[in-house]
PDB file of N, CA and C in Angstrom:
ATOM      1  N   UNK A   1     -50.884  73.805  62.864  1.00  0.00           N
ATOM      2  CA  UNK A   1     -50.119  72.942  61.992  1.00  0.00           C
ATOM      3  C   UNK A   1     -50.443  71.468  62.269  1.00  0.00           C
ATOM      4  N   UNK A   2     -50.600  71.110  63.554  1.00  0.00           N
ATOM      5  CA  UNK A   2     -50.924  69.736  63.900  1.00  0.00           C
ATOM      6  C   UNK A   2     -52.238  69.311  63.243  1.00  0.00           C
ATOM      7  N   UNK A   3     -53.222  70.190  63.282  1.00  0.00           N
ATOM      8  CA  UNK A   3     -54.524  69.876  62.686  1.00  0.00           C
ATOM      9  C   UNK A   3     -54.399  69.661  61.185  1.00  0.00           C
ATOM     10  N   UNK A   4     -53.557  70.455  60.519  1.00  0.00           N
ATOM     11  CA  UNK A   4     -53.348  70.290  59.076  1.00  0.00           C
ATOM     12  C   UNK A   4     -52.737  68.931  58.763  1.00  0.00           C
ATOM     13  N   UNK A   5     -51.727  68.543  59.538  1.00  0.00           N
ATOM     14  CA  UNK A   5     -51.075  67.244  59.319  1.00  0.00           C
ATOM     15  C   UNK A   5     -52.051  66.117  59.610  1.00  0.00           C
ATOM     16  N   UNK A   6     -52.798  66.232  60.704  1.00  0.00           N
ATOM     17  CA  UNK A   6     -53.773  65.209  61.066  1.00  0.00           C
ATOM     18  C   UNK A   6     -54.822  65.040  59.970  1.00  0.00           C
ATOM     19  N   UNK A   7     -55.331  66.132  59.445  1.00  0.00           N
ATOM     20  CA  UNK A   7     -56.323  66.078  58.371  1.00  0.00           C
ATOM     21  C   UNK A   7     -55.727  65.445  57.116  1.00  0.00           C
ATOM     22  N   UNK A   8     -54.494  65.819  56.777  1.00  0.00           N
ATOM     23  CA  UNK A   8     -53.835  65.255  55.599  1.00  0.00           C
ATOM     24  C   UNK A   8     -53.691  63.738  55.725  1.00  0.00           C
ATOM     25  N   UNK A   9     -53.259  63.276  56.886  1.00  0.00           N
ATOM     26  CA  UNK A   9     -53.080  61.836  57.098  1.00  0.00           C
ATOM     27  C   UNK A   9     -54.416  61.111  57.015  1.00  0.00           C
ATOM     28  N   UNK A  10     -55.445  61.654  57.639  1.00  0.00           N
ATOM     29  CA  UNK A  10     -56.763  61.020  57.616  1.00  0.00           C
ATOM     30  C   UNK A  10     -57.343  60.939  56.211  1.00  0.00           C
ATOM     31  N   UNK A  11     -57.013  61.897  55.350  1.00  0.00           N
ATOM     32  CA  UNK A  11     -57.537  61.910  53.986  1.00  0.00           C
ATOM     33  C   UNK A  11     -56.660  61.141  53.001  1.00  0.00           C
ATOM     34  N   UNK A  12     -55.510  60.682  53.440  1.00  0.00           N
ATOM     35  CA  UNK A  12     -54.574  59.982  52.554  1.00  0.00           C
ATOM     36  C   UNK A  12     -55.088  58.573  52.268  1.00  0.00           C
ATOM     37  N   UNK A  13     -55.344  58.273  51.010  1.00  0.00           N
ATOM     38  CA  UNK A  13     -55.877  56.967  50.616  1.00  0.00           C
ATOM     39  C   UNK A  13     -54.877  55.859  50.934  1.00  0.00           C
ATOM     40  N   UNK A  14     -53.598  56.076  50.647  1.00  0.00           N
ATOM     41  CA  UNK A  14     -52.592  55.046  50.928  1.00  0.00           C
ATOM     42  C   UNK A  14     -52.550  54.699  52.409  1.00  0.00           C
ATOM     43  N   UNK A  15     -52.610  55.699  53.275  1.00  0.00           N
ATOM     44  CA  UNK A  15     -52.534  55.450  54.705  1.00  0.00           C
ATOM     45  C   UNK A  15     -53.777  54.737  55.209  1.00  0.00           C
ATOM     46  N   UNK A  16     -54.949  55.176  54.755  1.00  0.00           N
ATOM     47  CA  UNK A  16     -56.185  54.591  55.264  1.00  0.00           C
ATOM     48  C   UNK A  16     -56.411  53.178  54.760  1.00  0.00           C
ATOM     49  N   UNK A  17     -55.843  52.810  53.610  1.00  0.00           N
ATOM     50  CA  UNK A  17     -56.071  51.466  53.078  1.00  0.00           C
ATOM     51  C   UNK A  17     -54.956  50.487  53.408  1.00  0.00           C
ATOM     52  N   UNK A  18     -53.765  50.954  53.679  1.00  0.00           N
ATOM     53  CA  UNK A  18     -52.673  50.006  53.875  1.00  0.00           C
ATOM     54  C   UNK A  18     -51.857  50.190  55.123  1.00  0.00           C
ATOM     55  N   UNK A  19     -52.039  51.263  55.818  1.00  0.00           N
ATOM     56  CA  UNK A  19     -51.231  51.530  57.002  1.00  0.00           C
ATOM     57  C   UNK A  19     -52.121  51.522  58.235  1.00  0.00           C
ATOM     58  N   UNK A  20     -51.604  52.048  59.298  1.00  0.00           N
ATOM     59  CA  UNK A  20     -52.377  52.112  60.525  1.00  0.00           C
ATOM     60  C   UNK A  20     -51.981  51.004  61.470  1.00  0.00           C
ATOM     61  N   UNK A  21     -52.926  50.522  62.229  1.00  0.00           N
ATOM     62  CA  UNK A  21     -52.650  49.495  63.220  1.00  0.00           C
ATOM     63  C   UNK A  21     -52.393  48.149  62.554  1.00  0.00           C
ATOM     64  N   UNK A  22     -51.422  47.381  63.047  1.00  0.00           N
ATOM     65  CA  UNK A  22     -51.199  46.046  62.496  1.00  0.00           C
ATOM     66  C   UNK A  22     -52.394  45.147  62.798  1.00  0.00           C
ATOM     67  N   UNK A  23     -52.681  44.171  61.911  1.00  0.00           N
ATOM     68  CA  UNK A  23     -53.857  43.328  62.116  1.00  0.00           C
ATOM     69  C   UNK A  23     -53.766  42.475  63.378  1.00  0.00           C
ATOM     70  N   UNK A  24     -52.592  42.000  63.719  1.00  0.00           N
ATOM     71  CA  UNK A  24     -52.398  41.173  64.907  1.00  0.00           C
ATOM     72  C   UNK A  24     -51.225  41.721  65.716  1.00  0.00           C
ATOM     73  N   UNK A  25     -51.441  42.779  66.475  1.00  0.00           N
ATOM     74  CA  UNK A  25     -50.317  43.345  67.211  1.00  0.00           C
ATOM     75  C   UNK A  25     -49.813  42.377  68.273  1.00  0.00           C
ATOM     76  N   UNK A  26     -48.514  42.260  68.366  1.00  0.00           N
ATOM     77  CA  UNK A  26     -47.911  41.402  69.382  1.00  0.00           C
ATOM     78  C   UNK A  26     -47.825  42.140  70.708  1.00  0.00           C
ATOM     79  N   UNK A  27     -47.401  41.440  71.729  1.00  0.00           N
ATOM     80  CA  UNK A  27     -47.280  42.094  73.030  1.00  0.00           C
ATOM     81  C   UNK A  27     -46.163  43.134  73.006  1.00  0.00           C
ATOM     82  N   UNK A  28     -46.385  44.230  73.678  1.00  0.00           N
ATOM     83  CA  UNK A  28     -45.390  45.295  73.744  1.00  0.00           C
ATOM     84  C   UNK A  28     -44.378  44.983  74.835  1.00  0.00           C
ATOM     85  N   UNK A  29     -43.086  45.185  74.541  1.00  0.00           N
ATOM     86  CA  UNK A  29     -42.095  44.956  75.597  1.00  0.00           C
ATOM     87  C   UNK A  29     -42.082  46.074  76.631  1.00  0.00           C
ATOM     88  N   UNK A  30     -42.853  47.130  76.387  1.00  0.00           N
ATOM     89  CA  UNK A  30     -42.853  48.267  77.301  1.00  0.00           C
ATOM     90  C   UNK A  30     -41.613  49.112  77.091  1.00  0.00           C
ATOM     91  N   UNK A  31     -41.442  50.081  77.924  1.00  0.00           N
ATOM     92  CA  UNK A  31     -40.264  50.928  77.829  1.00  0.00           C
ATOM     93  C   UNK A  31     -39.075  50.220  78.462  1.00  0.00           C
ATOM     94  N   UNK A  32     -37.959  50.255  77.774  1.00  0.00           N
ATOM     95  CA  UNK A  32     -36.735  49.668  78.301  1.00  0.00           C
ATOM     96  C   UNK A  32     -36.018  50.767  79.071  1.00  0.00           C
ATOM     97  N   UNK A  33     -35.838  50.572  80.349  1.00  0.00           N
ATOM     98  CA  UNK A  33     -35.175  51.573  81.177  1.00  0.00           C
ATOM     99  C   UNK A  33     -34.009  50.925  81.913  1.00  0.00           C
ATOM    100  N   UNK A  34     -32.846  50.875  81.267  1.00  0.00           N
ATOM    101  CA  UNK A  34     -31.684  50.274  81.924  1.00  0.00           C
ATOM    102  C   UNK A  34     -31.237  51.120  83.114  1.00  0.00           C
ATOM    103  N   UNK A  35     -30.610  50.465  84.086  1.00  0.00           N
ATOM    104  CA  UNK A  35     -30.150  51.154  85.284  1.00  0.00           C
ATOM    105  C   UNK A  35     -28.650  51.419  85.272  1.00  0.00           C
ATOM    106  N   UNK A  36     -27.935  50.823  84.304  1.00  0.00           N
ATOM    107  CA  UNK A  36     -26.491  51.037  84.222  1.00  0.00           C
ATOM    108  C   UNK A  36     -26.048  50.908  82.767  1.00  0.00           C
ATOM    109  N   UNK A  37     -24.865  51.429  82.442  1.00  0.00           N
ATOM    110  CA  UNK A  37     -24.369  51.361  81.063  1.00  0.00           C
ATOM    111  C   UNK A  37     -24.257  49.925  80.558  1.00  0.00           C
ATOM    112  N   UNK A  38     -24.599  49.739  79.320  1.00  0.00           N
ATOM    113  CA  UNK A  38     -24.499  48.483  78.582  1.00  0.00           C
ATOM    114  C   UNK A  38     -25.388  47.367  79.133  1.00  0.00           C
ATOM    115  N   UNK A  39     -26.374  47.726  79.932  1.00  0.00           N
ATOM    116  CA  UNK A  39     -27.366  46.746  80.359  1.00  0.00           C
ATOM    117  C   UNK A  39     -28.306  46.424  79.200  1.00  0.00           C
ATOM    118  N   UNK A  40     -28.565  47.420  78.357  1.00  0.00           N
ATOM    119  CA  UNK A  40     -29.395  47.237  77.164  1.00  0.00           C
ATOM    120  C   UNK A  40     -28.705  47.944  76.003  1.00  0.00           C
ATOM    121  N   UNK A  41     -28.517  47.210  74.920  1.00  0.00           N
ATOM    122  CA  UNK A  41     -27.825  47.734  73.743  1.00  0.00           C
ATOM    123  C   UNK A  41     -28.703  47.480  72.524  1.00  0.00           C
ATOM    124  N   UNK A  42     -28.820  48.482  71.659  1.00  0.00           N
ATOM    125  CA  UNK A  42     -29.533  48.282  70.397  1.00  0.00           C
ATOM    126  C   UNK A  42     -28.513  48.263  69.269  1.00  0.00           C
ATOM    127  N   UNK A  43     -28.882  47.634  68.172  1.00  0.00           N
ATOM    128  CA  UNK A  43     -27.979  47.595  67.026  1.00  0.00           C
ATOM    129  C   UNK A  43     -28.764  47.716  65.745  1.00  0.00           C
ATOM    130  N   UNK A  44     -28.088  48.201  64.716  1.00  0.00           N
ATOM    131  CA  UNK A  44     -28.703  48.352  63.405  1.00  0.00           C
ATOM    132  C   UNK A  44     -27.594  48.429  62.370  1.00  0.00           C
ATOM    133  N   UNK A  45     -27.972  48.263  61.117  1.00  0.00           N
ATOM    134  CA  UNK A  45     -27.035  48.377  60.009  1.00  0.00           C
ATOM    135  C   UNK A  45     -27.362  49.596  59.167  1.00  0.00           C
ATOM    136  N   UNK A  46     -26.332  50.275  58.693  1.00  0.00           N
ATOM    137  CA  UNK A  46     -26.461  51.254  57.626  1.00  0.00           C
ATOM    138  C   UNK A  46     -25.970  50.523  56.388  1.00  0.00           C
ATOM    139  N   UNK A  47     -26.820  50.423  55.375  1.00  0.00           N
ATOM    140  CA  UNK A  47     -26.477  49.648  54.181  1.00  0.00           C
ATOM    141  C   UNK A  47     -26.285  50.565  52.981  1.00  0.00           C
ATOM    142  N   UNK A  48     -25.847  49.975  51.902  1.00  0.00           N
ATOM    143  CA  UNK A  48     -25.654  50.673  50.630  1.00  0.00           C
ATOM    144  C   UNK A  48     -24.649  51.818  50.752  1.00  0.00           C
ATOM    145  N   UNK A  49     -23.615  51.589  51.532  1.00  0.00           N
ATOM    146  CA  UNK A  49     -22.541  52.581  51.661  1.00  0.00           C
ATOM    147  C   UNK A  49     -21.580  52.410  50.487  1.00  0.00           C
ATOM    148  N   UNK A  50     -20.854  53.453  50.106  1.00  0.00           N
ATOM    149  CA  UNK A  50     -19.829  53.293  49.070  1.00  0.00           C
ATOM    150  C   UNK A  50     -18.753  52.323  49.564  1.00  0.00           C
ATOM    151  N   UNK A  51     -18.220  51.528  48.663  1.00  0.00           N
ATOM    152  CA  UNK A  51     -17.211  50.538  49.036  1.00  0.00           C
ATOM    153  C   UNK A  51     -15.941  51.240  49.515  1.00  0.00           C
ATOM    154  N   UNK A  52     -15.454  50.832  50.687  1.00  0.00           N
ATOM    155  CA  UNK A  52     -14.237  51.421  51.241  1.00  0.00           C
ATOM    156  C   UNK A  52     -13.008  50.747  50.632  1.00  0.00           C
ATOM    157  N   UNK A  53     -11.848  51.260  50.965  1.00  0.00           N
ATOM    158  CA  UNK A  53     -10.591  50.678  50.471  1.00  0.00           C
ATOM    159  C   UNK A  53     -10.422  49.243  50.957  1.00  0.00           C
ATOM    160  N   UNK A  54     -11.036  48.904  52.083  1.00  0.00           N
ATOM    161  CA  UNK A  54     -10.951  47.537  52.629  1.00  0.00           C
ATOM    162  C   UNK A  54     -12.130  46.662  52.208  1.00  0.00           C
ATOM    163  N   UNK A  55     -12.983  47.165  51.333  1.00  0.00           N
ATOM    164  CA  UNK A  55     -14.092  46.376  50.807  1.00  0.00           C
ATOM    165  C   UNK A  55     -15.353  46.392  51.648  1.00  0.00           C
ATOM    166  N   UNK A  56     -15.444  47.275  52.608  1.00  0.00           N
ATOM    167  CA  UNK A  56     -16.629  47.345  53.470  1.00  0.00           C
ATOM    168  C   UNK A  56     -17.717  48.194  52.820  1.00  0.00           C
ATOM    169  N   UNK A  57     -18.947  47.683  52.863  1.00  0.00           N
ATOM    170  CA  UNK A  57     -20.090  48.425  52.327  1.00  0.00           C
ATOM    171  C   UNK A  57     -21.217  48.578  53.353  1.00  0.00           C
ATOM    172  N   UNK A  58     -21.000  48.106  54.570  1.00  0.00           N
ATOM    173  CA  UNK A  58     -22.003  48.189  55.633  1.00  0.00           C
ATOM    174  C   UNK A  58     -21.385  48.847  56.855  1.00  0.00           C
ATOM    175  N   UNK A  59     -22.232  49.454  57.664  1.00  0.00           N
ATOM    176  CA  UNK A  59     -21.795  50.042  58.916  1.00  0.00           C
ATOM    177  C   UNK A  59     -22.678  49.468  60.012  1.00  0.00           C
ATOM    178  N   UNK A  60     -22.071  48.734  60.939  1.00  0.00           N
ATOM    179  CA  UNK A  60     -22.793  48.153  62.067  1.00  0.00           C
ATOM    180  C   UNK A  60     -22.762  49.160  63.214  1.00  0.00           C
ATOM    181  N   UNK A  61     -23.948  49.511  63.710  1.00  0.00           N
ATOM    182  CA  UNK A  61     -24.060  50.498  64.788  1.00  0.00           C
ATOM    183  C   UNK A  61     -24.566  49.827  66.054  1.00  0.00           C
ATOM    184  N   UNK A  62     -23.918  50.108  67.158  1.00  0.00           N
ATOM    185  CA  UNK A  62     -24.378  49.697  68.481  1.00  0.00           C
ATOM    186  C   UNK A  62     -24.633  50.958  69.288  1.00  0.00           C
ATOM    187  N   UNK A  63     -25.734  50.991  70.041  1.00  0.00           N
ATOM    188  CA  UNK A  63     -26.005  52.134  70.902  1.00  0.00           C
ATOM    189  C   UNK A  63     -26.362  51.648  72.293  1.00  0.00           C
ATOM    190  N   UNK A  64     -25.665  52.188  73.283  1.00  0.00           N
ATOM    191  CA  UNK A  64     -25.984  51.929  74.676  1.00  0.00           C
ATOM    192  C   UNK A  64     -27.244  52.724  75.017  1.00  0.00           C
ATOM    193  N   UNK A  65     -28.304  52.035  75.405  1.00  0.00           N
ATOM    194  CA  UNK A  65     -29.585  52.689  75.683  1.00  0.00           C
ATOM    195  C   UNK A  65     -29.475  53.616  76.897  1.00  0.00           C
ATOM    196  N   UNK A  66     -28.659  53.264  77.878  1.00  0.00           N
ATOM    197  CA  UNK A  66     -28.525  54.060  79.101  1.00  0.00           C
ATOM    198  C   UNK A  66     -27.897  55.421  78.828  1.00  0.00           C
ATOM    199  N   UNK A  67     -26.759  55.430  78.132  1.00  0.00           N
ATOM    200  CA  UNK A  67     -26.005  56.673  77.942  1.00  0.00           C
ATOM    201  C   UNK A  67     -26.190  57.312  76.570  1.00  0.00           C
ATOM    202  N   UNK A  68     -26.636  56.529  75.590  1.00  0.00           N
ATOM    203  CA  UNK A  68     -26.733  57.030  74.225  1.00  0.00           C
ATOM    204  C   UNK A  68     -25.433  56.891  73.453  1.00  0.00           C
ATOM    205  N   UNK A  69     -24.399  56.335  74.088  1.00  0.00           N
ATOM    206  CA  UNK A  69     -23.096  56.158  73.453  1.00  0.00           C
ATOM    207  C   UNK A  69     -23.235  55.251  72.231  1.00  0.00           C
ATOM    208  N   UNK A  70     -22.648  55.673  71.108  1.00  0.00           N
ATOM    209  CA  UNK A  70     -22.752  54.925  69.855  1.00  0.00           C
ATOM    210  C   UNK A  70     -21.382  54.409  69.450  1.00  0.00           C
ATOM    211  N   UNK A  71     -21.338  53.148  69.039  1.00  0.00           N
ATOM    212  CA  UNK A  71     -20.126  52.540  68.504  1.00  0.00           C
ATOM    213  C   UNK A  71     -20.416  52.100  67.074  1.00  0.00           C
ATOM    214  N   UNK A  72     -19.479  52.316  66.165  1.00  0.00           N
ATOM    215  CA  UNK A  72     -19.646  51.953  64.760  1.00  0.00           C
ATOM    216  C   UNK A  72     -18.543  50.995  64.353  1.00  0.00           C
ATOM    217  N   UNK A  73     -18.884  50.033  63.501  1.00  0.00           N
ATOM    218  CA  UNK A  73     -17.904  49.080  62.996  1.00  0.00           C
ATOM    219  C   UNK A  73     -18.165  48.879  61.515  1.00  0.00           C
ATOM    220  N   UNK A  74     -17.189  49.191  60.652  1.00  0.00           N
ATOM    221  CA  UNK A  74     -17.367  48.915  59.227  1.00  0.00           C
ATOM    222  C   UNK A  74     -17.371  47.408  58.992  1.00  0.00           C
ATOM    223  N   UNK A  75     -18.262  46.943  58.116  1.00  0.00           N
ATOM    224  CA  UNK A  75     -18.419  45.508  57.865  1.00  0.00           C
ATOM    225  C   UNK A  75     -18.499  45.258  56.364  1.00  0.00           C
ATOM    226  N   UNK A  76     -18.046  44.071  55.970  1.00  0.00           N
ATOM    227  CA  UNK A  76     -18.160  43.680  54.566  1.00  0.00           C
ATOM    228  C   UNK A  76     -19.329  42.727  54.347  1.00  0.00           C
ATOM    229  N   UNK A  77     -19.950  42.250  55.438  1.00  0.00           N
ATOM    230  CA  UNK A  77     -21.118  41.375  55.312  1.00  0.00           C
ATOM    231  C   UNK A  77     -22.034  41.590  56.508  1.00  0.00           C
ATOM    232  N   UNK A  78     -23.263  41.099  56.390  1.00  0.00           N
ATOM    233  CA  UNK A  78     -24.237  41.250  57.468  1.00  0.00           C
ATOM    234  C   UNK A  78     -24.685  39.898  58.017  1.00  0.00           C
ATOM    235  N   UNK A  79     -23.869  38.874  57.853  1.00  0.00           N
ATOM    236  CA  UNK A  79     -24.254  37.550  58.342  1.00  0.00           C
ATOM    237  C   UNK A  79     -24.248  37.528  59.867  1.00  0.00           C
ATOM    238  N   UNK A  80     -25.043  36.641  60.441  1.00  0.00           N
ATOM    239  CA  UNK A  80     -25.118  36.517  61.891  1.00  0.00           C
ATOM    240  C   UNK A  80     -23.754  36.178  62.481  1.00  0.00           C
ATOM    241  N   UNK A  81     -23.004  35.338  61.805  1.00  0.00           N
ATOM    242  CA  UNK A  81     -21.678  34.957  62.298  1.00  0.00           C
ATOM    243  C   UNK A  81     -20.755  36.175  62.382  1.00  0.00           C
ATOM    244  N   UNK A  82     -20.732  36.982  61.331  1.00  0.00           N
ATOM    245  CA  UNK A  82     -19.867  38.164  61.322  1.00  0.00           C
ATOM    246  C   UNK A  82     -20.300  39.193  62.370  1.00  0.00           C
ATOM    247  N   UNK A  83     -21.604  39.353  62.562  1.00  0.00           N
ATOM    248  CA  UNK A  83     -22.096  40.289  63.574  1.00  0.00           C
ATOM    249  C   UNK A  83     -21.717  39.793  64.969  1.00  0.00           C
ATOM    250  N   UNK A  84     -21.864  38.492  65.211  1.00  0.00           N
ATOM    251  CA  UNK A  84     -21.501  37.931  66.513  1.00  0.00           C
ATOM    252  C   UNK A  84     -20.013  38.126  66.794  1.00  0.00           C
ATOM    253  N   UNK A  85     -19.182  37.962  65.787  1.00  0.00           N
ATOM    254  CA  UNK A  85     -17.745  38.155  65.973  1.00  0.00           C
ATOM    255  C   UNK A  85     -17.416  39.626  66.216  1.00  0.00           C
ATOM    256  N   UNK A  86     -18.150  40.532  65.591  1.00  0.00           N
ATOM    257  CA  UNK A  86     -17.908  41.964  65.780  1.00  0.00           C
ATOM    258  C   UNK A  86     -18.356  42.422  67.161  1.00  0.00           C
ATOM    259  N   UNK A  87     -19.402  41.770  67.693  1.00  0.00           N
ATOM    260  CA  UNK A  87     -19.957  42.167  68.979  1.00  0.00           C
ATOM    261  C   UNK A  87     -19.035  41.751  70.094  1.00  0.00           C
TER     262      UNK A  87
END
């Protein structure tokens, strides 16, 4: 199965002409390996959610890299100020 997928990707015109390695790759931060909870946290937004009764259409997600613990916060905007206040 791996060989089939590999062959398909190699023959894909879209992938060979527009995807692949970035032209100017930046330095890699390497693997992040925290030693304790909340030493490293990732965040992301889930967008295009149905409007809630309180007017929220976004979901702000925080994940502790050490434990995998996820926290969610409904949001009505994605501005830096609102995210900073939620954090």
